[in-house]
C-alpha atoms as a PDB file:
ATOM      1  CA  MET A   1      10.855  15.646 -10.686  1.00  0.00           C
ATOM      2  CA  LYS A   2       7.389  15.096  -9.828  1.00  0.00           C
ATOM      3  CA  LEU A   3       7.931  11.722 -11.021  1.00  0.00           C
ATOM      4  CA  LEU A   4      10.554  10.922  -8.897  1.00  0.00           C
ATOM      5  CA  LYS A   5       9.100  12.149  -5.483  1.00  0.00           C
ATOM      6  CA  CYS A   6       5.711  10.339  -5.894  1.00  0.00           C
ATOM      7  CA  PHE A   7       7.932   7.036  -6.526  1.00  0.00           C
ATOM      8  CA  ALA A   8       9.438   7.533  -3.385  1.00  0.00           C
ATOM      9  CA  PHE A   9       6.355   8.521  -1.035  1.00  0.00           C
ATOM     10  CA  VAL A  10       5.055   5.591  -2.704  1.00  0.00           C
ATOM     11  CA  TYR A  11       8.047   3.314  -1.882  1.00  0.00           C
ATOM     12  CA  PHE A  12       7.725   5.057   1.885  1.00  0.00           C
ATOM     13  CA  ALA A  13       4.132   3.812   2.495  1.00  0.00           C
ATOM     14  CA  ILE A  14       4.467  -0.221   0.608  1.00  0.00           C
ATOM     15  CA  SER A  15       7.106  -0.262   3.746  1.00  0.00           C
ATOM     16  CA  TRP A  16       4.810   1.466   6.737  1.00  0.00           C
ATOM     17  CA  ALA A  17       1.656  -0.859   4.887  1.00  0.00           C
ATOM     18  CA  ARG A  18       3.899  -4.613   4.736  1.00  0.00           C
ATOM     19  CA  GLY A  19       4.858  -4.274   8.656  1.00  0.00           C
ATOM     20  CA  ILE A  20       1.184  -3.467   9.422  1.00  0.00           C
ATOM     21  CA  PRO A  21       0.357  -6.742   9.777  1.00  0.00           C
ATOM     22  CA  GLY A  22       3.126  -8.045  12.265  1.00  0.00           C
ATOM     23  CA  GLN A  23       1.983  -4.794  14.297  1.00  0.00           C
ATOM     24  CA  PHE A  24      -1.090  -6.235  14.611  1.00  0.00           C
ATOM     25  CA  LYS A  25      -0.869  -9.702  15.692  1.00  0.00           C
ATOM     26  CA  ILE A  26       1.133  -8.348  18.412  1.00  0.00           C
ATOM     27  CA  TYR A  27      -1.834  -5.923  19.428  1.00  0.00           C
ATOM     28  CA  LYS A  28      -3.803  -9.376  18.871  1.00  0.00           C
ATOM     29  CA  GLU A  29      -1.793 -10.936  21.551  1.00  0.00           C
ATOM     30  CA  ASP A  30      -1.409  -7.746  24.019  1.00  0.00           C
ATOM     31  CA  LYS A  31      -4.042  -5.339  23.491  1.00  0.00           C
ATOM     32  CA  SER A  32      -2.564  -2.595  25.143  1.00  0.00           C
ATOM     33  CA  LEU A  33      -3.080   1.126  24.665  1.00  0.00           C
ATOM     34  CA  LYS A  34       0.468   1.792  23.264  1.00  0.00           C
ATOM     35  CA  ASN A  35       0.159  -1.247  20.630  1.00  0.00           C
ATOM     36  CA  LEU A  36      -2.850  -0.534  19.492  1.00  0.00           C
ATOM     37  CA  PHE A  37      -1.747   3.394  18.465  1.00  0.00           C
ATOM     38  CA  LEU A  38       1.393   1.886  17.281  1.00  0.00           C
ATOM     39  CA  LEU A  39      -1.147   0.414  14.989  1.00  0.00           C
ATOM     40  CA  LEU A  40      -2.500   3.490  14.339  1.00  0.00           C
ATOM     41  CA  GLY A  41       0.845   5.261  13.383  1.00  0.00           C
ATOM     42  CA  ARG A  42       1.141   2.903  10.755  1.00  0.00           C
ATOM     43  CA  LEU A  43      -2.229   3.079   9.420  1.00  0.00           C
ATOM     44  CA  ILE A  44      -2.563   6.746   9.023  1.00  0.00           C
ATOM     45  CA  MET A  45       1.351   7.237   7.809  1.00  0.00           C
ATOM     46  CA  ALA A  46       0.550   4.757   5.038  1.00  0.00           C
ATOM     47  CA  ILE A  47      -2.626   6.353   3.968  1.00  0.00           C
ATOM     48  CA  THR A  48      -1.078   9.884   4.649  1.00  0.00           C
ATOM     49  CA  ALA A  49       2.016   8.691   2.294  1.00  0.00           C
ATOM     50  CA  MET A  50      -0.264   7.056  -0.404  1.00  0.00           C
ATOM     51  CA  ILE A  51      -2.427  10.928  -0.323  1.00  0.00           C
ATOM     52  CA  VAL A  52       0.232  12.800  -0.490  1.00  0.00           C
ATOM     53  CA  ALA A  53       2.156  10.976  -3.695  1.00  0.00           C
ATOM     54  CA  ALA A  54      -1.094  11.500  -5.290  1.00  0.00           C
ATOM     55  CA  ALA A  55      -1.184  15.199  -4.509  1.00  0.00           C
ATOM     56  CA  ILE A  56       2.860  15.540  -5.702  1.00  0.00           C
ATOM     57  CA  TYR A  57       1.532  13.691  -8.810  1.00  0.00           C
ATOM     58  CA  LEU A  58      -1.376  15.833  -9.398  1.00  0.00           C
END
């Protein structure tokens, strides 16, 4: 069961990380605070999901 939860969080991290390049492109075109927060939110959620996956596995 732990391994299944770990894979679920890894899947979430990969899905959030896949959206980062597109969000970065949007941020480069229009450097607004809203776009920066959306980009940072995706980065933080991807990193957090990987940390949680490692914590569940250990």
